[in-house]
Protein backbone atom coordinates (compact mmCIF):
# COMPACT_ATOMS: atom_id res chain seq x y z
CA MET A 1 -0.32 0.09 -0.24
CA LYS A 2 2.92 2.44 1.07
CA ARG A 3 4.25 1.59 -2.50
CA LYS A 4 1.33 2.48 -4.19
CA LEU A 5 1.28 5.61 -2.74
CA LEU A 6 4.83 6.52 -3.42
CA ILE A 7 3.68 6.13 -6.84
CA ALA A 8 0.36 7.88 -7.15
CA VAL A 9 1.31 10.81 -5.69
CA PRO A 10 3.91 11.84 -8.13
CA LEU A 11 1.63 10.87 -10.72
CA LEU A 12 -1.29 13.09 -9.55
CA CYS A 13 1.21 15.87 -9.33
CA LEU A 14 2.44 15.22 -12.95
CA VAL A 15 -0.89 14.98 -13.83
CA GLY A 16 -1.56 18.94 -12.41
CA LEU A 17 1.43 20.26 -13.40
CA LEU A 18 0.80 18.79 -16.66
CA ALA A 19 -3.29 20.33 -16.62
CA TRP A 20 -2.00 23.59 -15.73
CA TRP A 21 0.81 23.67 -18.15
CA PHE A 22 -1.86 23.44 -20.80
CA ARG A 23 -4.43 25.14 -19.58
CA PRO A 24 -6.64 27.91 -22.01
CA LYS A 25 -4.33 30.90 -21.28
CA HIS A 26 -5.09 34.46 -22.04
CA GLU A 27 -1.93 36.44 -22.62
CA THR A 28 -2.81 38.40 -25.79
CA LEU A 29 -0.32 39.92 -28.41
CA GLY A 30 -1.66 43.49 -27.74
CA GLU A 31 -5.38 45.36 -27.99
CA ALA A 32 -7.38 46.84 -30.96
CA PHE A 33 -10.38 48.90 -32.12
CA VAL A 34 -12.99 47.81 -35.08
CA SER A 35 -12.60 50.71 -37.71
CA GLU A 36 -15.64 49.64 -39.63
CA ARG A 37 -19.31 50.11 -38.77
CA SER A 38 -19.87 46.75 -38.65
CA VAL A 39 -17.62 43.63 -39.05
CA THR A 40 -18.26 39.73 -38.96
CA LEU A 41 -16.80 37.41 -36.44
CA TRP A 42 -15.91 34.60 -37.82
CA GLY A 43 -15.44 30.71 -35.90
CA ARG A 44 -12.22 30.04 -38.04
CA VAL A 45 -10.28 30.90 -41.09
CA ALA A 46 -11.66 28.58 -44.08
CA GLN A 47 -13.81 29.23 -47.11
CA VAL A 48 -16.49 27.15 -45.21
CA ARG A 49 -17.55 29.09 -41.50
CA GLU A 50 -20.03 30.37 -39.70
CA PRO A 51 -20.73 33.49 -38.00
CA LEU A 52 -20.18 33.88 -34.07
CA GLY A 53 -21.26 37.65 -34.08
CA MET A 54 -21.17 41.03 -34.96
CA LEU A 55 -18.64 43.65 -34.02
CA HIS A 56 -19.14 47.56 -34.37
CA TYR A 57 -16.86 51.07 -34.81
CA GLY A 58 -14.90 51.54 -31.59
CA ASP A 59 -15.34 48.30 -30.10
CA ARG A 60 -11.87 47.11 -28.45
CA VAL A 61 -11.05 43.51 -29.21
CA SER A 62 -7.87 41.37 -27.73
CA ILE A 63 -5.80 39.93 -30.01
CA ILE A 64 -4.64 36.24 -29.52
CA ALA A 65 -3.43 35.49 -32.70
CA ARG A 66 -2.45 36.17 -36.51
CA ARG A 67 -2.55 34.78 -39.61
CA ASN A 68 -1.57 36.38 -43.09
CA ASP A 69 -4.35 38.79 -43.31
CA ASN A 70 -7.07 37.25 -40.47
CA ILE A 71 -6.39 38.35 -36.53
CA GLU A 72 -7.85 35.95 -34.17
CA VAL A 73 -9.20 38.23 -31.37
CA ARG A 74 -11.48 37.93 -27.68
CA THR A 75 -14.01 40.35 -27.48
CA ALA A 76 -14.68 42.37 -24.21
CA ALA A 77 -17.65 40.01 -24.03
CA GLY A 78 -15.66 36.69 -24.04
CA ALA A 79 -16.21 35.82 -27.75
CA VAL A 80 -13.52 34.34 -29.60
CA GLY A 81 -13.24 34.69 -33.69
CA TRP A 82 -11.08 35.43 -36.48
CA VAL A 83 -11.58 39.31 -38.18
CA ASP A 84 -10.26 40.98 -41.34
CA ALA A 85 -6.83 42.59 -39.94
CA ARG A 86 -8.32 45.51 -42.20
CA ASN A 87 -11.33 45.79 -40.16
CA LEU A 88 -8.99 46.87 -36.98
CA MET A 89 -6.83 49.98 -35.41
CA ASP A 90 -3.99 50.15 -34.19
CA PRO A 91 -4.43 51.86 -30.16
CA VAL A 92 -1.87 54.60 -31.46
CA LEU A 93 -3.99 55.40 -34.36
CA TRP A 94 -7.01 54.84 -32.44
CA GLN A 95 -5.63 57.61 -29.75
CA ARG A 96 -5.30 59.98 -32.60
CA SER A 97 -8.92 59.59 -33.49
CA VAL A 98 -10.14 60.36 -30.02
CA LYS A 99 -7.55 63.56 -29.80
CA LEU A 100 -8.67 64.41 -33.01
CA LEU A 101 -12.41 64.10 -32.05
CA ASN A 102 -11.76 65.90 -28.99
CA GLN A 103 -10.49 68.91 -31.08
CA VAL A 104 -13.12 69.48 -33.02
CA ARG A 105 -15.84 69.38 -30.94
CA THR A 106 -16.26 72.77 -30.00
CA MET A 107 -15.48 74.15 -33.35
CA PRO A 108 -18.07 76.14 -35.02
CA VAL A 109 -19.67 74.62 -38.10
CA GLN A 110 -18.82 76.32 -41.21
CA ALA A 111 -20.77 74.19 -43.36
CA ARG A 112 -23.42 71.36 -43.56
CA GLY A 113 -23.33 68.09 -46.51
CA ARG A 114 -23.95 64.86 -47.16
CA THR A 115 -21.37 62.40 -48.64
CA LYS A 116 -21.41 62.46 -52.74
CA VAL A 117 -20.02 59.05 -52.52
CA SER A 118 -18.75 56.63 -50.38
CA THR A 119 -15.90 58.35 -48.74
CA ASN A 120 -13.36 57.90 -46.66
CA LEU A 121 -12.41 59.72 -43.25
CA ARG A 122 -8.44 60.59 -42.66
CA VAL A 123 -6.68 61.19 -39.73
CA GLU A 124 -5.15 63.98 -41.84
CA PRO A 125 -5.57 65.49 -45.17
CA GLY A 126 -4.21 63.27 -48.26
CA ARG A 127 -5.51 60.25 -49.91
CA THR A 128 -2.34 57.95 -48.11
CA ALA A 129 -2.93 59.19 -44.53
CA PRO A 130 -3.94 56.43 -42.03
CA ARG A 131 -7.93 55.67 -42.41
CA LEU A 132 -10.19 55.95 -39.70
CA TYR A 133 -13.85 54.79 -41.14
CA GLN A 134 -15.37 55.05 -44.35
CA PHE A 135 -18.75 56.93 -44.60
CA GLY A 136 -21.35 55.98 -46.63
CA ARG A 137 -22.91 57.34 -49.49
CA GLY A 138 -25.65 60.15 -48.48
CA VAL A 139 -23.94 60.24 -44.70
CA PRO A 140 -24.76 63.88 -43.14
CA VAL A 141 -21.37 65.39 -41.71
CA GLU A 142 -20.50 69.10 -40.45
CA ILE A 143 -17.55 70.86 -41.82
CA VAL A 144 -15.68 72.91 -39.70
CA GLY A 145 -12.37 73.35 -41.36
CA ARG A 146 -10.20 73.21 -44.95
CA ALA A 147 -6.32 72.61 -45.60
CA THR A 148 -4.65 70.76 -49.20
CA ALA A 149 -3.06 68.41 -49.36
CA ASP A 150 -1.03 66.85 -52.95
CA TRP A 151 -3.26 65.19 -55.36
CA VAL A 152 -2.54 61.06 -55.48
CA GLN A 153 -4.21 58.93 -57.35
CA SER A 154 -6.09 56.13 -55.46
CA THR A 155 -7.65 52.90 -56.81
CA GLU A 156 -9.91 53.22 -53.93
CA GLU A 157 -11.45 56.75 -53.91
CA ARG A 158 -12.46 58.31 -57.00
CA ASP A 159 -14.42 61.30 -57.86
CA SER A 160 -17.44 59.53 -59.21
CA SER A 161 -16.87 60.74 -62.98
CA GLY A 162 -13.64 58.60 -62.92
CA GLU A 163 -11.52 61.88 -64.64
CA LEU A 164 -8.26 62.24 -63.04
CA ALA A 165 -7.40 65.93 -60.76
CA GLU A 166 -6.67 68.84 -63.20
CA THR A 167 -4.64 70.34 -60.42
CA LYS A 168 -1.60 68.87 -58.24
CA LYS A 169 -3.58 70.15 -54.98
CA GLU A 170 -6.85 69.57 -53.49
CA ASP A 171 -8.99 70.65 -51.12
CA TRP A 172 -9.71 68.51 -47.77
CA PHE A 173 -12.46 69.50 -45.18
CA LEU A 174 -12.43 68.62 -41.78
CA ALA A 175 -15.39 66.89 -41.20
CA ARG A 176 -17.29 65.09 -37.72
CA GLY A 177 -20.32 63.05 -38.26
CA LEU A 178 -21.68 59.90 -36.76
CA ALA A 179 -20.95 56.08 -36.98
CA THR A 180 -24.36 54.53 -36.58
CA ARG A 181 -25.16 51.31 -34.86
CA PRO A 182 -28.05 49.07 -35.30
CA PRO A 183 -31.06 49.54 -32.90
CA GLY A 184 -30.22 47.38 -29.88
CA GLU A 185 -26.62 47.51 -30.10
CA ASN A 186 -24.66 48.89 -26.90
CA SER A 187 -21.15 49.23 -26.09
CA ALA A 188 -19.29 51.77 -23.03
CA ARG A 189 -18.26 54.70 -25.80
CA ALA A 190 -21.91 54.41 -27.57
CA ALA A 191 -23.44 54.78 -24.14
CA GLU A 192 -21.87 58.09 -24.05
CA ALA A 193 -22.94 59.40 -27.12
CA ASN A 194 -26.13 61.29 -28.72
CA THR A 195 -28.96 59.56 -30.37
CA THR A 196 -30.22 60.43 -33.64
CA GLN A 197 -33.43 58.48 -33.79
CA PRO A 198 -35.21 56.62 -30.90
CA GLY A 199 -33.08 53.29 -30.64
CA ASP A 200 -29.79 54.67 -32.99
CA GLN A 201 -27.00 53.90 -30.60
CA THR A 202 -24.04 56.49 -32.45
CA VAL A 203 -20.75 57.34 -32.30
CA PRO A 204 -19.30 60.79 -32.97
CA ILE A 205 -16.37 60.45 -35.17
CA SER A 206 -14.01 63.09 -36.41
CA GLY A 207 -11.55 62.96 -40.25
CA TRP A 208 -10.69 64.59 -43.41
CA VAL A 209 -12.31 63.80 -46.00
CA ILE A 210 -12.07 65.25 -49.80
CA GLY A 211 -13.59 68.40 -50.26
CA ARG A 212 -15.14 67.35 -53.86
CA PHE A 213 -16.42 63.99 -52.37
CA ILE A 214 -19.45 66.44 -50.07
CA GLU A 215 -22.21 68.07 -51.37
CA LEU A 216 -22.86 71.15 -49.26
CA ASP A 217 -26.89 71.65 -47.83
CA LEU A 218 -26.89 75.12 -49.38
CA PRO A 219 -30.26 77.37 -49.06
CA GLY A 220 -31.73 78.64 -52.41
CA ALA A 221 -30.86 81.77 -52.05
CA VAL A 222 -27.06 81.16 -51.38
CA ARG A 223 -26.59 78.28 -53.95
CA GLU A 224 -28.67 80.62 -56.83
CA GLY A 225 -26.37 83.96 -55.80
CA ALA A 226 -23.28 81.85 -56.01
CA ALA A 227 -23.55 80.44 -59.19
CA SER A 228 -24.65 83.83 -60.89
CA ALA A 229 -21.23 84.79 -59.29
CA ASN A 230 -19.35 81.94 -60.51
CA LEU A 231 -18.18 81.52 -56.76
CA ARG A 232 -17.61 77.76 -54.88
CA PRO A 233 -19.03 78.16 -51.59
CA LEU A 234 -17.36 77.05 -49.02
CA ALA A 235 -19.11 78.07 -45.86
CA TRP A 236 -22.16 79.81 -45.44
CA PHE A 237 -24.10 81.16 -41.89
CA GLU A 238 -27.44 82.69 -41.23
CA LEU A 239 -27.06 85.78 -39.94
CA ASN A 240 -30.71 86.58 -38.50
CA ARG A 241 -34.11 86.49 -39.82
CA ILE A 242 -36.51 89.28 -40.41
CA SER A 243 -40.28 89.25 -40.88
CA ASP A 244 -42.40 89.42 -44.12
CA SER A 245 -45.95 88.56 -45.18
CA SER A 246 -44.76 85.18 -46.27
CA GLY A 247 -42.79 84.52 -43.36
CA ASP A 248 -39.65 85.20 -41.35
CA LYS A 249 -37.10 85.59 -44.37
CA PRO A 250 -33.32 84.45 -42.75
CA GLN A 251 -30.14 86.03 -44.22
CA TYR A 252 -26.84 84.89 -45.26
CA LEU A 253 -23.21 85.47 -45.07
CA VAL A 254 -21.39 83.24 -47.49
CA ALA A 255 -17.44 82.86 -47.81
CA ALA A 256 -16.38 81.47 -51.16
CA ALA A 257 -13.43 80.74 -53.53
CA ARG A 258 -12.99 81.59 -57.15
CA GLY A 259 -10.94 79.54 -59.26
CA PRO A 260 -9.39 75.95 -58.79
CA GLU A 261 -9.64 74.16 -55.59
CA GLY A 262 -5.61 73.81 -54.16
CA GLN A 263 -5.55 77.47 -53.16
CA VAL A 264 -3.43 78.68 -50.37
CA CYS A 265 -6.32 81.06 -49.10
CA ASP A 266 -9.57 79.13 -47.48
CA PHE A 267 -11.48 81.50 -49.13
CA ASN A 268 -11.06 84.66 -50.96
CA ALA A 269 -14.84 86.57 -51.22
CA LEU A 270 -17.51 87.36 -49.26
CA ARG A 271 -21.34 87.53 -50.24
CA VAL A 272 -23.92 88.84 -47.71
CA TYR A 273 -27.60 87.89 -48.99
CA THR A 274 -30.44 90.10 -47.92
CA TRP A 275 -34.39 89.83 -48.08
CA TYR A 276 -35.98 92.83 -50.38
CA ALA A 277 -39.25 92.39 -49.10
CA LYS A 278 -40.76 94.88 -51.88
CA LYS A 279 -39.56 92.71 -54.75
CA THR A 280 -40.04 89.81 -52.71
CA ARG A 281 -36.57 88.34 -53.73
CA TYR A 282 -33.09 88.29 -52.28
CA GLU A 283 -30.22 90.84 -53.09
CA THR A 284 -26.76 91.31 -52.84
CA ALA A 285 -26.41 93.51 -50.14
CA TYR A 286 -22.30 92.63 -49.55
CA ILE A 287 -19.65 92.07 -51.77
CA GLU A 288 -15.88 91.96 -50.81
CA ASN A 289 -13.26 90.27 -53.21
CA ASN A 290 -9.28 89.51 -53.36
CA LEU A 291 -9.54 88.46 -49.63
CA CYS A 292 -7.30 85.85 -47.80
CA GLY A 293 -9.26 84.35 -45.30
CA GLN A 294 -9.11 81.80 -42.97
CA MET A 295 -11.82 79.80 -41.49
CA PRO A 296 -12.96 79.38 -39.34
CA VAL A 297 -15.57 81.95 -39.69
CA SER A 298 -17.22 82.72 -36.16
CA VAL A 299 -20.81 84.60 -35.65
CA GLY A 300 -22.28 86.30 -33.18
CA LYS A 301 -23.95 89.52 -31.86
CA GLY A 302 -23.14 93.02 -31.46
CA PRO A 303 -23.95 95.51 -28.35
CA LYS A 304 -27.14 96.32 -30.19
CA GLY A 305 -27.72 92.90 -30.75
CA GLU A 306 -26.64 93.44 -34.09
CA PRO A 307 -25.29 90.28 -36.57
CA GLU A 308 -21.73 90.29 -36.43
CA PHE A 309 -18.90 87.84 -38.30
CA ARG A 310 -15.33 87.95 -37.85
CA PHE A 311 -11.88 85.57 -39.20
CA HIS A 312 -8.40 85.99 -39.90
CA VAL A 313 -6.45 86.87 -42.24
CA MET A 314 -3.85 84.60 -44.03
CA ASP A 315 -1.31 87.18 -43.61
CA GLY A 316 2.27 87.48 -41.78
CA ASN A 317 -0.07 89.39 -38.47
CA LYS A 318 -3.04 86.88 -39.54
CA GLU A 319 -5.12 89.99 -38.73
CA GLU A 320 -8.41 89.20 -37.58
CA ARG A 321 -11.51 91.10 -39.21
CA VAL A 322 -15.08 91.91 -37.61
CA TYR A 323 -18.45 92.93 -39.96
CA ARG A 324 -21.40 93.77 -38.64
CA LEU A 325 -24.67 93.79 -40.84
CA THR A 326 -27.04 96.76 -39.64
CA GLN A 327 -30.56 96.31 -41.95
CA THR A 328 -29.09 95.88 -44.86
CA VAL A 329 -25.58 97.48 -44.54
CA VAL A 330 -22.50 95.82 -44.02
CA ARG A 331 -19.39 97.32 -42.23
CA ARG A 332 -16.15 96.73 -40.99
CA ILE A 333 -15.52 97.57 -37.60
CA ARG A 334 -12.63 98.21 -34.87
CA GLU A 335 -12.81 96.71 -31.83
CA GLY A 336 -13.10 98.88 -29.07
CA ASN A 337 -13.59 102.55 -30.37
CA ASP A 338 -16.08 100.49 -32.72
CA SER A 339 -15.46 102.90 -35.60
CA ALA A 340 -16.06 102.23 -39.22
CA ALA A 341 -12.53 100.61 -41.40
CA LYS A 342 -13.96 99.83 -44.56
CA ARG A 343 -17.60 100.55 -45.32
CA SER A 344 -19.25 98.79 -48.21
CA LEU A 345 -20.94 100.17 -51.31
CA VAL A 346 -24.80 98.94 -50.48
CA LYS A 347 -24.93 98.77 -54.37
CA ALA A 348 -26.16 95.22 -55.32
CA ALA A 349 -24.80 92.96 -57.63
CA LYS A 350 -27.46 91.05 -59.92
CA PRO A 351 -30.10 90.36 -57.81
CA ALA A 352 -30.92 86.48 -57.17
CA LYS A 353 -33.73 85.56 -59.55
CA LYS A 354 -37.36 86.14 -57.16
CA GLN A 355 -38.20 82.99 -54.91
CA ALA A 356 -41.01 83.13 -52.62
CA HIS A 357 -39.40 80.24 -50.16
CA PRO A 358 -34.95 80.59 -49.83
C-alpha cells in the first residue's frame, strides 16, 4: 500500500502540472479597435465558416493570434473569433482619432453637407494618410475646417466621373459625423454618445475627407447667388431673420472661392444676401473680393444685437477682421472704438431670381 502511494502521489502531481501547463491561456499580443461600422466575427479561417456575431465601430478587442490577413480576437464579452486585419485600428491610431475628435468638438460649424459617394475619413489631409473610417453615400456631415494636400491617384477613392484631377493639390474638409449602430447594439463608448433616432446608438467621429466628395446643403438663395457670381461656396451662415408677409426670411453670409481648388487661402470672397421685401426676392447687399481668409468664420451679436461675423486673414500678422450688419448695410469695424474701418458700397449686385421660399 505504501509503495502504491509513493507511485500515485508523483503521478497525481505530474497530471496536475500537465493540466496547469496546458490550461487555456489568456495572454494576448495586444489590443485593437474596430474601424468599420460593422464587422463579422468568424468561427475559423476557412472558405466554409460560420459567423459568431458582429462587432461595431469603436469596439475594443484583444489580439490572440495572427494568420496572414486574419486576426484572432477576444471581445469584451469573452467571445473568440477571427476578423479581417484591415477592419482593425491599432491603439496609436485610435488615440489620434480620439484626440482629433476632442479637438473639433467645440469648433464652429462652417457648413453642412452629405457625402456624394463612399468616402474615407482620414486622420490628416492626404489620400495616403491612415484611414479612420468610411462613410457611406448620403451620410450627413458638419464641416469645421479646410486644408489642402497633394493629389495622389488612388484606386479606392475616385471622383464619380472617374476623371483624373486637373490640379496638383486638392481641398480637404475637416468633418465630424456619426458612426451609426443598429438599434439595440450597445458598448461603453456608444453609451456616452448622442442618439439621432429612437433606438439608434451612435458614436461621434471626426477626420479629413476630400472636399469635392461632399455636397454642401446650400439654401436656395446662397446657391443661386453663388452660381450667378461664379463662386464656389465653402462656408455659409444664417446672420438673422427678418419679418415678411410670407414668413420670416433668413439673411445669409457666404465665404467662397473663385478658381480651382487647392488654393492657399481658405476663401477669397465674401457675400451677404439680404431679403428685399418690396420685390420679394434676395439681393446681394455686400461684396468683397481679393481676400485671403482663414477658417473658422465666427458669427455673433454686436452691442445692440446686430449680427456680427469675424475671421482672420492669412497674412504675416493674421489680422482679425470684424464686420457688422445693420439692416442691409455691412460695415467692417474696429473693436474697441467701434469706428468704421471700411464701409461697404450698398450697391446690390445682380439680384437673385425671385423666390418665395429660400
